[in-house]
Each structure stands twice: as C-alpha cells, then as structure tokens.
Amino acid sequence: MSDMPESVTYCFDDFADMFVELRAFGTPSELHGLMCGQLAAGVRLDADAWLTMVVAHLDVQEIEDDDDKAELVGLYEGALGQLTDGGFSFNLLLPDDDTELMARAESLGSWCSGFLGGFGLAFDRKTQKLTPEITETMDDLSQIALISLDDEDDEHAEHNLMELVEYVRMAALMVFSEFNQDAVKQPSPAVH
C-alpha cells in the first residue's frame, strides 16, 4: 500500500456518508472493528484484497469512486500505523462526542462485534493460542458488543461510555501486541 502520513485522521461522519452513497450494509464502526480484528490476529492485506473484502462485507456491487477507494485504503493504512506505532495513538472509528449518547453506544457495540468477527476470521487455531488474559478480554468485548443504555439522561452514562471506549481501545492494543510482537515499535528509552 502507499505511504500514508501518520497525521491523517478519519471522521466517522465522512464514512457514514460514503456508506449511504454506496447503499452499504453495515456501519463504519463495524468495518473498522473488523479490520482491526484481522490486523490484531496478524493478517495483512494489500489494497486490492482490502477493497475486495470491504465490497463483500458492505454487500455492495463495487466501489467505483477513486476517492472512496483512497479513503478506505487510507483508513486501513492509518489503523495499521496507529496499532504498530507503540505510542498509543490508536483510536476507534466512532461518532463524535456531540452525537447522541445512544448512537455512540451502539457504534461502540458495532465496533466490538466487528473486532470479534475479524479476529475470529483471521485467527489461526493451529498456530496461535489464546492466553487466559486474551480470552477474558474477548469475553469482555463480547459483552460490550451487547451494550444498551437504559437511561441516556443518567449523568454517569457519558462517563461510563467514555470509560468503555478507553477499555476497548486498550484491549484492542493489547490483543494486537500479543499477536504482532515483531510489528509493534518499542518506545525509545529515555536518555538521562
């Protein structure tokens, strides 16, 4: 794939608009989770294979627009760069904080479902083993995938959702690190 500047960030709304134009099935959060789950299990795709997977996952005929293709490839490269940088710059593709709380919670659940599905598709049971810690993390993600808010007016709901997002973010980094130890850049030691 091309060299993508690490400073590029992607907006959930831009991908949501693209998905509407494509008449796509699924959400940007779910696709990002699926991609990150596969990356965490150690799978790497070239641009054509990634776009073929996107077409199949979104249940669209094809992606014709070159800008859309570039955005999707950039999303892949950006996520891989964030996961490997060792500096904790990785972020989930979720709606902005000004989006209704329930919609953000739903998107977090979709991200977790996508991550679990992507990891499950890519995980090689013959050569890879799940540690008890990874198994527990996957169980946690499966519970978060079922998230629902009983009372979105609850003053603690916003804080709780933020904590869940941070937990999921760190869980994804931990799983990626476990199965991609050679790919993760180690922080440089401080010089004293």
Foldseek 3Di string as FASTA:
>chain_A
DDDDDLPDDDAQVVVQVVLVVQVFPAGPLLLLLLLLLQLLLPDDDDLVVQQVVVCVRRVGPHDDDPVVSVVSVNSNVNQLCCLQAQPLPHAGRFHDPVPQLQRRLQSLLSSLVSNLVNNVVNHDPVPDDDDPVLVVLNVVSNVSNVDGDPDSVPPCSSVVSVVVRVSNSVSSSVSSCVNPVVRHDHDDDDDD
